[in-house]
Amino acid sequence: MLIFKGTHFPKDVILYAVFFYVRYGVSYRDLEEIMEERGVEVDHATLNRWVIRYSPAIAVKAKSQKRETNKSWRMDETYINRRAMLPHEIPGLLSP
């Protein structure tokens, strides 16, 4: 559970900043400029604290909501039986 009690910024601002940092991999100083363009003046050190504090909890929440993939995986039917081929017929084996 994410607890935002005692923070100076609204929950939406914090979540947006953390999501933006994790999703796009920008630096804290670049994120500081991005947030400033959106009308939120926040220091890069504060952004660092938010990412350290909230990103693990967000990752756990996202992982719990992620759907499982199908358990059955099929291989494509097109393959090459290399044992039946001569060494000069194998693509890329003897390339200069």
N, C-alpha and C. Protein backbone atom coordinates (compact mmCIF):
# COMPACT_ATOMS: atom_id res chain seq x y z
N MET A 1 0.84 -1.17 0.00
CA MET A 1 0.00 0.00 0.00
C MET A 1 0.89 1.24 0.00
N LEU A 2 0.59 2.14 -0.87
CA LEU A 2 1.35 3.38 -0.95
C LEU A 2 0.77 4.39 0.03
N ILE A 3 1.65 4.93 0.85
CA ILE A 3 1.22 5.91 1.85
C ILE A 3 1.83 7.26 1.48
N PHE A 4 0.98 8.23 1.27
CA PHE A 4 1.42 9.57 0.88
C PHE A 4 1.21 10.58 2.00
N LYS A 5 1.01 10.10 3.20
CA LYS A 5 0.77 10.98 4.34
C LYS A 5 2.03 11.80 4.63
N GLY A 6 1.87 13.08 4.78
CA GLY A 6 2.98 13.96 5.12
C GLY A 6 3.77 14.47 3.93
N THR A 7 3.36 14.15 2.72
CA THR A 7 4.07 14.65 1.54
C THR A 7 3.58 16.06 1.22
N HIS A 8 4.45 16.84 0.62
CA HIS A 8 4.11 18.23 0.30
C HIS A 8 3.46 18.37 -1.07
N PHE A 9 3.49 17.30 -1.84
CA PHE A 9 2.93 17.32 -3.19
C PHE A 9 1.76 16.35 -3.28
N PRO A 10 0.82 16.59 -4.17
CA PRO A 10 -0.30 15.67 -4.33
C PRO A 10 0.16 14.30 -4.83
N LYS A 11 -0.62 13.32 -4.53
CA LYS A 11 -0.34 11.93 -4.91
C LYS A 11 -0.13 11.80 -6.42
N ASP A 12 -0.95 12.47 -7.20
CA ASP A 12 -0.86 12.37 -8.66
C ASP A 12 0.47 12.89 -9.19
N VAL A 13 0.98 13.95 -8.59
CA VAL A 13 2.26 14.52 -9.03
C VAL A 13 3.39 13.53 -8.75
N ILE A 14 3.39 12.93 -7.58
CA ILE A 14 4.44 11.98 -7.20
C ILE A 14 4.40 10.75 -8.12
N LEU A 15 3.22 10.21 -8.32
CA LEU A 15 3.09 9.02 -9.17
C LEU A 15 3.47 9.32 -10.61
N TYR A 16 3.11 10.49 -11.10
CA TYR A 16 3.48 10.87 -12.46
C TYR A 16 4.99 10.96 -12.61
N ALA A 17 5.66 11.59 -11.64
CA ALA A 17 7.11 11.75 -11.70
C ALA A 17 7.81 10.40 -11.63
N VAL A 18 7.38 9.54 -10.73
CA VAL A 18 8.02 8.23 -10.59
C VAL A 18 7.78 7.40 -11.85
N PHE A 19 6.56 7.40 -12.35
CA PHE A 19 6.26 6.66 -13.57
C PHE A 19 7.10 7.17 -14.74
N PHE A 20 7.20 8.46 -14.87
CA PHE A 20 7.96 9.05 -15.98
C PHE A 20 9.43 8.66 -15.89
N TYR A 21 9.99 8.69 -14.68
CA TYR A 21 11.41 8.32 -14.50
C TYR A 21 11.63 6.85 -14.84
N VAL A 22 10.77 5.98 -14.34
CA VAL A 22 10.94 4.55 -14.56
C VAL A 22 10.68 4.18 -16.01
N ARG A 23 9.67 4.75 -16.60
CA ARG A 23 9.27 4.37 -17.96
C ARG A 23 10.24 4.88 -19.01
N TYR A 24 10.70 6.10 -18.90
CA TYR A 24 11.49 6.71 -19.96
C TYR A 24 12.98 6.83 -19.63
N GLY A 25 13.38 6.53 -18.41
CA GLY A 25 14.80 6.52 -18.06
C GLY A 25 15.51 7.85 -18.21
N VAL A 26 14.83 8.93 -17.93
CA VAL A 26 15.46 10.25 -18.00
C VAL A 26 16.23 10.50 -16.71
N SER A 27 17.13 11.45 -16.74
CA SER A 27 17.88 11.79 -15.53
C SER A 27 16.97 12.60 -14.59
N TYR A 28 17.39 12.69 -13.33
CA TYR A 28 16.60 13.44 -12.37
C TYR A 28 16.56 14.92 -12.72
N ARG A 29 17.64 15.44 -13.25
CA ARG A 29 17.65 16.86 -13.62
C ARG A 29 16.76 17.12 -14.83
N ASP A 30 16.74 16.18 -15.78
CA ASP A 30 15.82 16.32 -16.92
C ASP A 30 14.38 16.22 -16.45
N LEU A 31 14.13 15.31 -15.54
CA LEU A 31 12.77 15.17 -15.01
C LEU A 31 12.36 16.41 -14.23
N GLU A 32 13.32 17.02 -13.55
CA GLU A 32 13.06 18.29 -12.85
C GLU A 32 12.58 19.36 -13.84
N GLU A 33 13.24 19.44 -15.00
CA GLU A 33 12.84 20.40 -16.03
C GLU A 33 11.47 20.05 -16.61
N ILE A 34 11.21 18.77 -16.83
CA ILE A 34 9.92 18.34 -17.37
C ILE A 34 8.79 18.71 -16.40
N MET A 35 9.02 18.46 -15.12
CA MET A 35 8.00 18.79 -14.13
C MET A 35 7.82 20.31 -14.03
N GLU A 36 8.90 21.05 -14.19
CA GLU A 36 8.81 22.51 -14.16
C GLU A 36 7.99 23.04 -15.33
N GLU A 37 8.14 22.40 -16.51
CA GLU A 37 7.34 22.78 -17.67
C GLU A 37 5.86 22.55 -17.43
N ARG A 38 5.54 21.60 -16.57
CA ARG A 38 4.15 21.29 -16.25
C ARG A 38 3.63 22.06 -15.04
N GLY A 39 4.46 22.99 -14.54
CA GLY A 39 4.01 23.87 -13.47
C GLY A 39 4.30 23.36 -12.07
N VAL A 40 5.13 22.33 -11.94
CA VAL A 40 5.46 21.79 -10.62
C VAL A 40 6.95 22.03 -10.38
N GLU A 41 7.26 22.84 -9.38
CA GLU A 41 8.66 23.12 -9.08
C GLU A 41 9.12 22.15 -7.98
N VAL A 42 9.97 21.21 -8.38
CA VAL A 42 10.46 20.19 -7.46
C VAL A 42 11.95 19.97 -7.73
N ASP A 43 12.71 19.70 -6.69
CA ASP A 43 14.15 19.52 -6.80
C ASP A 43 14.47 18.10 -7.25
N HIS A 44 15.62 17.94 -7.91
CA HIS A 44 16.01 16.62 -8.40
C HIS A 44 16.29 15.65 -7.24
N ALA A 45 16.73 16.16 -6.11
CA ALA A 45 16.96 15.29 -4.94
C ALA A 45 15.63 14.74 -4.41
N THR A 46 14.60 15.55 -4.45
CA THR A 46 13.27 15.10 -4.04
C THR A 46 12.77 14.02 -4.98
N LEU A 47 13.00 14.20 -6.27
CA LEU A 47 12.61 13.17 -7.24
C LEU A 47 13.33 11.86 -6.97
N ASN A 48 14.61 11.95 -6.61
CA ASN A 48 15.38 10.76 -6.27
C ASN A 48 14.76 10.04 -5.07
N ARG A 49 14.39 10.79 -4.04
CA ARG A 49 13.77 10.19 -2.85
C ARG A 49 12.44 9.54 -3.20
N TRP A 50 11.66 10.17 -4.07
CA TRP A 50 10.39 9.59 -4.48
C TRP A 50 10.59 8.27 -5.21
N VAL A 51 11.54 8.25 -6.12
CA VAL A 51 11.78 7.02 -6.89
C VAL A 51 12.24 5.89 -5.96
N ILE A 52 13.14 6.21 -5.04
CA ILE A 52 13.62 5.18 -4.12
C ILE A 52 12.50 4.69 -3.21
N ARG A 53 11.64 5.60 -2.77
CA ARG A 53 10.59 5.22 -1.83
C ARG A 53 9.40 4.53 -2.49
N TYR A 54 8.96 5.02 -3.65
CA TYR A 54 7.70 4.56 -4.22
C TYR A 54 7.83 3.55 -5.37
N SER A 55 8.94 3.51 -6.07
CA SER A 55 9.02 2.62 -7.23
C SER A 55 8.95 1.13 -6.86
N PRO A 56 9.55 0.65 -5.76
CA PRO A 56 9.38 -0.77 -5.43
C PRO A 56 7.92 -1.15 -5.17
N ALA A 57 7.19 -0.29 -4.47
CA ALA A 57 5.79 -0.58 -4.18
C ALA A 57 4.95 -0.55 -5.45
N ILE A 58 5.26 0.37 -6.34
CA ILE A 58 4.53 0.44 -7.62
C ILE A 58 4.81 -0.80 -8.45
N ALA A 59 6.06 -1.27 -8.43
CA ALA A 59 6.42 -2.48 -9.19
C ALA A 59 5.68 -3.70 -8.66
N VAL A 60 5.58 -3.84 -7.34
CA VAL A 60 4.85 -4.96 -6.75
C VAL A 60 3.38 -4.91 -7.13
N LYS A 61 2.80 -3.72 -7.07
CA LYS A 61 1.38 -3.55 -7.43
C LYS A 61 1.15 -3.88 -8.91
N ALA A 62 2.05 -3.42 -9.77
CA ALA A 62 1.90 -3.69 -11.20
C ALA A 62 2.07 -5.17 -11.50
N LYS A 63 3.00 -5.82 -10.82
CA LYS A 63 3.23 -7.25 -11.06
C LYS A 63 2.04 -8.08 -10.61
N SER A 64 1.39 -7.66 -9.53
CA SER A 64 0.23 -8.41 -9.05
C SER A 64 -0.97 -8.27 -9.98
N GLN A 65 -1.04 -7.18 -10.72
CA GLN A 65 -2.16 -6.96 -11.64
C GLN A 65 -1.89 -7.46 -13.05
N LYS A 66 -0.68 -7.91 -13.30
CA LYS A 66 -0.31 -8.37 -14.63
C LYS A 66 -0.92 -9.73 -14.92
N ARG A 67 -1.47 -9.88 -16.11
CA ARG A 67 -2.05 -11.16 -16.49
C ARG A 67 -0.96 -12.17 -16.79
N GLU A 68 -1.25 -13.44 -16.51
CA GLU A 68 -0.31 -14.49 -16.85
C GLU A 68 -0.38 -14.78 -18.34
N THR A 69 0.76 -15.17 -18.90
CA THR A 69 0.76 -15.56 -20.29
C THR A 69 0.26 -16.99 -20.41
N ASN A 70 -0.04 -17.38 -21.61
CA ASN A 70 -0.50 -18.74 -21.83
C ASN A 70 0.62 -19.71 -21.49
N LYS A 71 0.30 -20.81 -20.85
CA LYS A 71 1.31 -21.78 -20.44
C LYS A 71 1.81 -22.60 -21.61
N SER A 72 1.07 -22.66 -22.69
CA SER A 72 1.43 -23.48 -23.84
C SER A 72 2.17 -22.63 -24.87
N TRP A 73 3.37 -23.06 -25.20
CA TRP A 73 4.18 -22.36 -26.20
C TRP A 73 4.44 -23.32 -27.34
N ARG A 74 4.30 -22.86 -28.56
CA ARG A 74 4.52 -23.69 -29.73
C ARG A 74 5.68 -23.14 -30.54
N MET A 75 6.50 -24.04 -31.04
CA MET A 75 7.61 -23.64 -31.89
C MET A 75 7.12 -23.64 -33.33
N ASP A 76 7.63 -22.71 -34.09
CA ASP A 76 7.26 -22.65 -35.49
C ASP A 76 7.70 -23.93 -36.19
N GLU A 77 6.96 -24.36 -37.19
CA GLU A 77 7.23 -25.63 -37.84
C GLU A 77 8.38 -25.57 -38.83
N THR A 78 8.90 -24.39 -39.11
CA THR A 78 10.00 -24.29 -40.06
C THR A 78 11.32 -24.34 -39.32
N TYR A 79 12.05 -25.40 -39.56
CA TYR A 79 13.37 -25.55 -38.96
C TYR A 79 14.25 -26.32 -39.93
N ILE A 80 15.54 -26.29 -39.68
CA ILE A 80 16.49 -26.96 -40.55
C ILE A 80 17.13 -28.10 -39.77
N ASN A 81 17.12 -29.28 -40.33
CA ASN A 81 17.80 -30.41 -39.72
C ASN A 81 19.26 -30.35 -40.17
N ARG A 82 20.11 -29.86 -39.31
CA ARG A 82 21.51 -29.64 -39.68
C ARG A 82 22.31 -30.93 -39.78
N ARG A 83 21.86 -31.98 -39.15
CA ARG A 83 22.59 -33.25 -39.23
C ARG A 83 22.53 -33.84 -40.64
N ALA A 84 21.45 -33.57 -41.35
CA ALA A 84 21.29 -34.13 -42.69
C ALA A 84 22.00 -33.29 -43.74
N MET A 85 22.51 -32.13 -43.36
CA MET A 85 23.15 -31.25 -44.32
C MET A 85 24.67 -31.42 -44.28
N LEU A 86 25.30 -31.20 -45.40
CA LEU A 86 26.75 -31.20 -45.46
C LEU A 86 27.26 -29.87 -44.91
N PRO A 87 28.49 -29.84 -44.39
CA PRO A 87 29.00 -28.60 -43.77
C PRO A 87 28.97 -27.39 -44.70
N HIS A 88 29.19 -27.56 -46.01
CA HIS A 88 29.18 -26.40 -46.89
C HIS A 88 27.77 -25.91 -47.19
N GLU A 89 26.75 -26.68 -46.83
CA GLU A 89 25.35 -26.28 -47.07
C GLU A 89 24.77 -25.50 -45.89
N ILE A 90 25.42 -25.52 -44.74
CA ILE A 90 24.89 -24.86 -43.55
C ILE A 90 25.17 -23.36 -43.69
N PRO A 91 24.12 -22.54 -43.66
CA PRO A 91 24.32 -21.09 -43.86
C PRO A 91 25.13 -20.49 -42.73
N GLY A 92 26.15 -19.73 -43.09
CA GLY A 92 26.95 -19.00 -42.13
C GLY A 92 28.03 -19.81 -41.46
N LEU A 93 28.14 -21.10 -41.73
CA LEU A 93 29.14 -21.91 -41.05
C LEU A 93 30.55 -21.64 -41.55
N LEU A 94 30.71 -21.62 -42.84
CA LEU A 94 32.03 -21.43 -43.43
C LEU A 94 32.16 -20.07 -44.14
N SER A 95 31.37 -19.10 -43.71
CA SER A 95 31.43 -17.78 -44.36
C SER A 95 32.77 -17.11 -44.06
N PRO A 96 33.37 -16.44 -45.07
CA PRO A 96 34.64 -15.75 -44.82
C PRO A 96 34.46 -14.50 -44.00
